[in-house]
Structures are given as structure tokens and as C-alpha cells.
Amino acid sequence: MRVHRLKRLLLFGPYIVFIITLVLCMVLFAYLRREDEKIEALEEEIGHITVNQNGLIEKVSSVDSSVDELSSAIAAISNELSLIDIGAIESAKSNASSVSDDKAWPRRVYLTFDDGPSANTAKILDILKKYKVKGNFFVVGTEDPELQKMYKRIVDEGHVLCMHSYSHRYNEIYSSVDAFTADLDKISALLEEVTGSVPKIYRFPGGSSNSVSRLPMKEFIKVLDERGITYYDWNVVAGDATNPMLPADKIIENSLCDLNEYEEAMILFHDLANKTSTVEALPAIIEAIQKNGITIAPIDDDTIPIRHYTNNN
């Protein structure tokens, strides 16, 4: 009997072992399958978290960039506001649109227009042509073919075409010498391509005394000096920079009330599409200056450099 049982065990034993092994493999396979599914679900969840995190990082970066640009704009506005002589303006309110004949007037007056070309550039040029005077246009870059035509018209009609940066983005231009140089090269190349000549006059966005630059302004002035480019600021502020709704009468007042303080007066206007009151004020300003026998001049080699530079860091 025992021998018979042993024979039976030997006969069926391998099959039993095989079946047990197969069952164990199936159990193990099922277990591994469940674990793989858990891992895949976890990886998918991690993927969603990563995507959301990247989106959040992009949003934070966008907010940081907007804050930087807003800070730059606020600093630039504060800088220009600091240059306005409030006391002088208040004392001249009674003569908002004219200056009395007994005042000592400057030898020459320069009309300078920043930030163009714009939809108003042609109107400004028409006014200057009517009164037979020359202006000075500190332009920025534009890809608009119609506005680029204004570069050529400025030159063709005998006005002075000057550079005011390509992008006019303070936080980019003043971030490094390389960034400033690249921007300068870009506006210089554009104006040469359109007009056939390279301007040698520059005005820093926000002026040479701006409070936005991350580096001492002397670093950027050095770049201009190496290229034979002269920079000019201003000594009279029309006031149209910070308030596009400023009435024409106020612009006239601001432009004329301080002229008697300077041998050469350089008035800062802005050539932007929303500066309609600047265009409206321009004829009265020109007439008042011409009435007193003062030359409205283009910037040339005889022009006294008018500069604010005080950044000695």
C-alpha cells in the first residue's frame, strides 16, 4: 500500500507542484499588475502637479515682469515730475498763453518731440512747415511701414532726427551695458535703413538723471561717447508726459513761463497718438516765441549741451 501511494505521489507530484507554481505566478502577476496601476496613477498625478506648477511659475514670472515695467514707468514719471518747477508755473498762471515783451528771452529755443513717430507726427510736421521752423524728433523704433515713412519725412523736411532708444523699455535698456548697446544698434540700424543716414544725437529714456537705471549712467554715456553720439536732456517741460488730457492752455503756459531763465531753452514735448492737446498748443507756442524775435532752431554743433546727469554711483 505504501509503495502504491509512493508511486502515485511520484506520478502526480510534478503536476501538483506545477499547478501550485502556476497559481502563485498568477497571484504574483495580479499583485504586480495592481502595483503598476498604482504607479501609473501616481505618475499621472505627479504630471498634473508639474503642469500646474509650471503654469503657476509662468504666471508669477508674468506678474514679476508687469511689476518691473510698472515700477519703471512710475520711476520715469516721478523723474519727469521732479524736473517741473511748480513755483515758477504758479507765478506764471496769469499769463498762461503769452509772455510779456519786457522779459529777457533766450537766444534760441529748441522744440523737441519724444517717443514718436505716431499718428500725430504728420500734424506736427505740417505745423512746423506752416511756421517755417525746424524741430528735433527723438524717435523710437516701430515696425509699422506707414509710421516708418515719418522718419524719412522728418529728414527730408530739414528737421533733426534723433534717437530715443528702440524699445523705450526702461527695465530692459538699463539692465546692462550690453542690453543698452544692443538697443542702440537696433534703432541706429533702422533709421539708417529708412533714411540713409545714422543720427548722432540721443536722448536717454527718462533723461540722463533717471532713477530707473540699474547701472551708473556714466556706463551708458561712455557707449555714446565711443560712437561720437551726443546726448541731450531738456530744461523746460511742457507737462504732456504724465497727463494725455492736459489742456492745451496748460501746455502753452508750461512751455513759455520759464523760457526767460535760459540762454538756450530746450522744450520737452511728446509725440504720441494720445497727445492731441500738444498738437493743439503748438501753434500758439511758436507764435509767442516768434513774436519776441527768438530763433526756433534745430540742434546743431553750436547748441549748448543741456544735461541732467547727476548719477555718480
Protein backbone atom coordinates (compact mmCIF):
# COMPACT_ATOMS: atom_id res chain seq x y z
CA MET A 1 0.00 0.00 0.00
CA ARG A 2 2.74 2.38 0.89
CA VAL A 3 4.55 1.57 -2.30
CA HIS A 4 1.37 2.22 -4.22
CA ARG A 5 0.94 5.62 -2.55
CA LEU A 6 4.55 6.49 -3.21
CA LYS A 7 4.15 5.61 -6.87
CA ARG A 8 1.03 7.77 -7.04
CA LEU A 9 2.83 10.68 -5.37
CA LEU A 10 5.73 10.37 -7.75
CA LEU A 11 3.35 10.26 -10.66
CA PHE A 12 1.19 13.25 -9.74
CA GLY A 13 3.69 15.21 -7.64
CA PRO A 14 5.19 17.23 -10.53
CA TYR A 15 1.73 18.19 -11.73
CA ILE A 16 0.77 19.37 -8.28
CA VAL A 17 3.97 21.40 -7.99
CA PHE A 18 3.35 22.86 -11.45
CA ILE A 19 -0.22 23.82 -10.56
CA ILE A 20 0.85 25.38 -7.27
CA THR A 21 3.63 27.30 -9.04
CA LEU A 22 1.21 28.45 -11.74
CA VAL A 23 -1.27 29.66 -9.14
CA LEU A 24 1.46 31.51 -7.28
CA CYS A 25 2.65 33.12 -10.52
CA MET A 26 -0.88 34.23 -11.34
CA VAL A 27 -1.30 35.70 -7.86
CA LEU A 28 2.06 37.43 -8.17
CA PHE A 29 1.20 38.73 -11.65
CA ALA A 30 -2.10 40.11 -10.40
CA TYR A 31 -0.33 41.78 -7.49
CA LEU A 32 2.31 43.31 -9.77
CA ARG A 33 -0.41 44.49 -12.15
CA ARG A 34 -2.19 46.32 -9.35
CA GLU A 35 1.07 47.90 -8.23
CA ASP A 36 1.82 49.04 -11.80
CA GLU A 37 -1.62 50.63 -11.99
CA LYS A 38 -0.96 52.43 -8.72
CA ILE A 39 2.42 53.65 -10.01
CA GLU A 40 0.86 54.86 -13.30
CA ALA A 41 -1.85 56.72 -11.39
CA LEU A 42 0.79 58.29 -9.15
CA GLU A 43 2.90 59.34 -12.15
CA GLU A 44 -0.16 60.87 -13.80
CA GLU A 45 -0.95 62.81 -10.64
CA ILE A 46 2.66 64.00 -10.44
CA GLY A 47 2.41 65.08 -14.07
CA HIS A 48 -0.67 67.18 -13.33
CA ILE A 49 1.09 68.72 -10.35
CA THR A 50 4.12 69.54 -12.51
CA VAL A 51 1.97 71.14 -15.22
CA ASN A 52 0.12 73.20 -12.64
CA GLN A 53 3.39 74.18 -11.03
CA ASN A 54 4.86 75.28 -14.39
CA GLY A 55 1.72 77.28 -15.11
CA LEU A 56 1.97 78.92 -11.71
CA ILE A 57 5.65 79.73 -12.30
CA GLU A 58 4.77 81.31 -15.67
CA LYS A 59 2.03 83.38 -14.05
CA VAL A 60 4.37 84.52 -11.28
CA SER A 61 7.03 85.43 -13.88
CA SER A 62 4.44 87.37 -15.86
CA VAL A 63 3.36 89.24 -12.74
CA ASP A 64 7.00 89.98 -11.86
CA SER A 65 7.60 91.34 -15.37
CA SER A 66 4.49 93.52 -15.18
CA VAL A 67 5.55 94.83 -11.77
CA ASP A 68 9.02 95.66 -13.16
CA GLU A 69 7.53 97.57 -16.10
CA LEU A 70 5.08 99.39 -13.82
CA SER A 71 7.90 100.29 -11.44
CA SER A 72 9.96 101.59 -14.36
CA ALA A 73 7.08 103.68 -15.64
CA ILE A 74 6.37 105.11 -12.17
CA ALA A 75 10.03 105.93 -11.67
CA ALA A 76 10.20 107.65 -15.06
CA ILE A 77 7.09 109.71 -14.33
CA SER A 78 8.46 110.67 -10.92
CA ASN A 79 11.70 111.73 -12.57
CA GLU A 80 9.95 114.00 -15.06
CA LEU A 81 7.67 115.43 -12.38
CA SER A 82 10.70 116.28 -10.27
CA LEU A 83 12.02 118.43 -13.09
CA ILE A 84 8.96 120.68 -13.13
CA ASP A 85 9.40 123.95 -11.30
CA ILE A 86 6.00 124.23 -9.57
CA GLY A 87 6.75 127.64 -8.11
CA ALA A 88 7.57 129.12 -11.48
CA ILE A 89 4.43 127.67 -13.01
CA GLU A 90 2.22 129.05 -10.25
CA SER A 91 3.72 132.52 -10.65
CA ALA A 92 3.00 132.46 -14.36
CA LYS A 93 -0.64 131.41 -14.24
CA SER A 94 -1.90 134.89 -15.02
CA ASN A 95 -0.05 134.77 -18.35
CA ALA A 96 -0.98 131.27 -19.42
CA SER A 97 -0.88 131.78 -23.16
CA SER A 98 1.71 134.50 -23.65
CA VAL A 99 4.83 136.09 -22.23
CA SER A 100 5.18 139.83 -21.73
CA ASP A 101 7.51 141.72 -24.07
CA ASP A 102 9.67 143.10 -21.24
CA LYS A 103 11.03 139.66 -20.26
CA ALA A 104 14.52 138.62 -21.24
CA TRP A 105 14.13 135.82 -23.76
CA PRO A 106 16.65 133.10 -24.63
CA ARG A 107 18.95 133.26 -27.60
CA ARG A 108 17.48 130.14 -29.14
CA VAL A 109 14.58 127.78 -28.41
CA TYR A 110 14.55 124.11 -29.38
CA LEU A 111 11.29 122.27 -29.87
CA THR A 112 11.94 118.60 -29.09
CA PHE A 113 9.46 115.77 -29.53
CA ASP A 114 9.96 112.41 -27.78
CA ASP A 115 8.52 108.92 -28.37
CA GLY A 116 7.36 109.26 -32.00
CA PRO A 117 6.58 108.56 -34.70
CA SER A 118 2.85 108.43 -34.10
CA ALA A 119 -0.46 109.32 -35.68
CA ASN A 120 0.28 112.93 -34.68
CA THR A 121 3.73 113.21 -36.29
CA ALA A 122 2.40 114.34 -39.67
CA LYS A 123 0.26 117.01 -37.96
CA ILE A 124 3.28 118.30 -36.05
CA LEU A 125 5.34 118.41 -39.24
CA ASP A 126 2.56 120.30 -41.02
CA ILE A 127 2.51 122.92 -38.24
CA LEU A 128 6.29 123.33 -38.33
CA LYS A 129 6.17 123.74 -42.11
CA LYS A 130 3.44 126.37 -41.81
CA TYR A 131 5.55 128.48 -39.45
CA LYS A 132 8.81 127.70 -41.28
CA VAL A 133 10.60 126.37 -38.21
CA LYS A 134 12.62 123.23 -37.59
CA GLY A 135 12.00 120.69 -34.87
CA ASN A 136 14.01 117.93 -33.22
CA PHE A 137 12.44 114.47 -33.14
CA PHE A 138 13.76 111.92 -30.63
CA VAL A 139 12.21 108.80 -32.11
CA VAL A 140 11.81 105.20 -31.00
CA GLY A 141 11.58 102.05 -33.11
CA THR A 142 8.48 100.91 -34.98
CA GLU A 143 7.73 98.09 -37.41
CA ASP A 144 4.75 99.96 -38.92
CA PRO A 145 5.65 100.81 -42.55
CA GLU A 146 3.42 103.89 -42.54
CA LEU A 147 4.98 105.27 -39.37
CA GLN A 148 8.47 104.47 -40.69
CA LYS A 149 7.75 106.91 -43.52
CA MET A 150 7.75 109.67 -40.90
CA TYR A 151 11.47 109.05 -40.25
CA LYS A 152 12.15 109.90 -43.88
CA ARG A 153 9.82 112.89 -43.93
CA ILE A 154 11.49 114.35 -40.82
CA VAL A 155 14.87 114.21 -42.56
CA ASP A 156 13.58 115.33 -45.97
CA GLU A 157 11.95 118.44 -44.50
CA GLY A 158 15.12 119.55 -42.74
CA HIS A 159 14.31 118.60 -39.17
CA VAL A 160 16.72 116.81 -36.86
CA LEU A 161 16.16 113.08 -36.49
CA CYS A 162 17.49 111.87 -33.13
CA MET A 163 17.47 108.55 -31.27
CA HIS A 164 15.45 107.84 -28.13
CA SER A 165 16.11 104.06 -27.92
CA TYR A 166 14.36 101.35 -29.93
CA SER A 167 12.10 99.75 -27.33
CA HIS A 168 11.78 102.56 -24.75
CA ARG A 169 11.54 99.82 -22.10
CA TYR A 170 13.48 101.13 -19.15
CA ASN A 171 13.92 97.82 -17.34
CA GLU A 172 15.45 96.25 -20.46
CA ILE A 173 17.55 99.12 -21.80
CA TYR A 174 19.20 99.93 -18.48
CA SER A 175 19.65 96.33 -17.30
CA SER A 176 23.22 96.14 -18.65
CA VAL A 177 25.68 97.83 -20.98
CA ASP A 178 25.19 95.01 -23.49
CA ALA A 179 21.41 95.48 -23.44
CA PHE A 180 21.78 99.24 -23.90
CA THR A 181 24.24 98.75 -26.76
CA ALA A 182 22.01 96.20 -28.50
CA ASP A 183 19.03 98.56 -28.30
CA LEU A 184 21.16 101.45 -29.60
CA ASP A 185 22.39 99.33 -32.52
CA LYS A 186 18.82 98.36 -33.37
CA ILE A 187 17.42 101.91 -33.56
CA SER A 188 20.55 103.14 -35.35
CA ALA A 189 20.31 100.39 -37.98
CA LEU A 190 16.59 101.00 -38.53
CA LEU A 191 17.00 104.74 -39.07
CA GLU A 192 19.95 104.20 -41.40
CA GLU A 193 17.94 101.69 -43.41
CA VAL A 194 14.95 104.04 -43.78
CA THR A 195 16.72 107.39 -44.18
CA GLY A 196 20.21 106.50 -45.41
CA SER A 197 21.96 108.24 -42.53
CA VAL A 198 22.81 107.47 -38.91
CA PRO A 199 21.72 110.05 -36.30
CA LYS A 200 24.40 111.28 -33.91
CA ILE A 201 22.08 112.71 -31.26
CA TYR A 202 20.47 110.70 -28.45
CA ARG A 203 18.12 111.26 -25.53
CA PHE A 204 18.01 108.73 -22.73
CA PRO A 205 14.52 107.41 -21.91
CA GLY A 206 13.67 109.21 -18.68
CA GLY A 207 16.65 111.53 -19.17
CA SER A 208 20.24 111.10 -18.05
CA SER A 209 19.15 111.67 -14.44
CA ASN A 210 16.58 108.87 -14.44
CA SER A 211 16.22 106.79 -11.28
CA VAL A 212 15.48 103.53 -13.09
CA SER A 213 18.92 102.51 -14.35
CA ARG A 214 20.49 99.56 -12.55
CA LEU A 215 23.95 100.79 -13.50
CA PRO A 216 25.61 104.21 -13.21
CA MET A 217 24.58 106.30 -16.20
CA LYS A 218 28.24 107.02 -16.93
CA GLU A 219 28.50 103.44 -18.25
CA PHE A 220 25.92 104.20 -20.95
CA ILE A 221 27.29 107.68 -21.63
CA LYS A 222 30.63 106.02 -22.33
CA VAL A 223 29.00 103.90 -25.06
CA LEU A 224 27.64 107.05 -26.71
CA ASP A 225 30.98 108.84 -26.43
CA GLU A 226 32.79 105.95 -28.09
CA ARG A 227 30.45 106.25 -31.07
CA GLY A 228 30.58 110.02 -31.33
CA ILE A 229 26.95 110.39 -30.25
CA THR A 230 25.92 113.46 -28.23
CA TYR A 231 23.08 113.21 -25.73
CA TYR A 232 20.67 115.99 -24.77
CA ASP A 233 18.14 116.32 -21.98
CA TRP A 234 15.80 119.30 -21.58
CA ASN A 235 15.32 122.33 -19.33
CA VAL A 236 11.67 123.21 -20.00
CA VAL A 237 8.83 120.70 -19.54
CA ALA A 238 5.57 121.09 -21.45
CA GLY A 239 3.91 118.72 -19.00
CA ASP A 240 2.30 116.44 -21.56
CA ALA A 241 4.24 113.35 -20.43
CA THR A 242 2.11 112.34 -17.48
CA ASN A 243 -1.33 113.60 -18.47
CA PRO A 244 -2.65 112.97 -22.00
CA MET A 245 -5.73 115.04 -21.10
CA LEU A 246 -3.72 118.12 -20.09
CA PRO A 247 -5.47 121.13 -21.69
CA ALA A 248 -3.68 122.99 -24.48
CA ASP A 249 -3.69 126.20 -22.42
CA LYS A 250 -1.74 124.47 -19.65
CA ILE A 251 0.81 123.12 -22.13
CA ILE A 252 1.25 126.62 -23.54
CA GLU A 253 1.74 128.01 -20.04
CA ASN A 254 4.25 125.35 -19.03
CA SER A 255 6.21 125.79 -22.26
CA LEU A 256 6.54 129.58 -22.06
CA CYS A 257 6.70 130.54 -18.39
CA ASP A 258 10.34 129.54 -17.78
CA LEU A 259 11.95 130.45 -21.10
CA ASN A 260 13.43 133.67 -19.75
CA GLU A 261 15.60 131.67 -17.33
CA TYR A 262 17.81 130.14 -20.01
CA GLU A 263 20.22 131.29 -22.65
CA GLU A 264 19.08 128.32 -24.69
CA ALA A 265 15.76 126.68 -23.88
CA MET A 266 15.00 123.09 -24.87
CA ILE A 267 11.30 122.29 -24.51
CA LEU A 268 10.22 118.69 -23.94
CA PHE A 269 7.10 117.67 -25.85
CA HIS A 270 5.80 114.17 -26.59
CA ASP A 271 4.80 112.86 -29.99
CA LEU A 272 2.24 110.17 -29.18
CA ALA A 273 -1.17 109.38 -30.63
CA ASN A 274 -2.96 110.43 -27.43
CA LYS A 275 -1.20 113.80 -27.13
CA THR A 276 -3.77 115.73 -29.15
CA SER A 277 -3.62 118.77 -26.85
CA THR A 278 0.11 119.04 -27.56
CA VAL A 279 -0.66 119.42 -31.26
CA GLU A 280 -3.35 121.98 -30.42
CA ALA A 281 -0.96 124.01 -28.26
CA LEU A 282 1.97 124.05 -30.69
CA PRO A 283 0.85 126.96 -32.97
CA ALA A 284 0.33 129.35 -30.03
CA ILE A 285 3.72 128.40 -28.55
CA ILE A 286 5.50 129.03 -31.85
CA GLU A 287 3.68 132.32 -32.38
CA ALA A 288 4.57 133.58 -28.90
CA ILE A 289 8.26 132.75 -29.39
CA GLN A 290 8.41 134.27 -32.87
CA LYS A 291 6.60 137.39 -31.65
CA ASN A 292 9.56 138.06 -29.38
CA GLY A 293 12.07 137.66 -32.18
CA ILE A 294 13.63 134.47 -30.84
CA THR A 295 15.01 131.81 -33.15
CA ILE A 296 13.41 128.38 -33.07
CA ALA A 297 16.34 126.22 -34.04
CA PRO A 298 17.38 122.71 -34.91
CA ILE A 299 20.07 121.15 -32.74
CA ASP A 300 23.49 121.68 -34.31
CA ASP A 301 27.17 121.90 -33.40
CA ASP A 302 26.60 125.30 -31.76
CA THR A 303 23.88 124.05 -29.43
CA ILE A 304 24.79 124.18 -25.76
CA PRO A 305 24.56 120.62 -24.33
CA ILE A 306 21.65 120.56 -21.92
CA ARG A 307 22.14 117.69 -19.49
CA HIS A 308 20.82 116.49 -16.14
CA TYR A 309 23.39 113.80 -15.38
CA THR A 310 23.87 113.56 -11.60
CA ASN A 311 24.26 109.80 -11.14
CA ASN A 312 27.79 109.35 -9.85
CA ASN A 313 27.38 105.88 -8.34
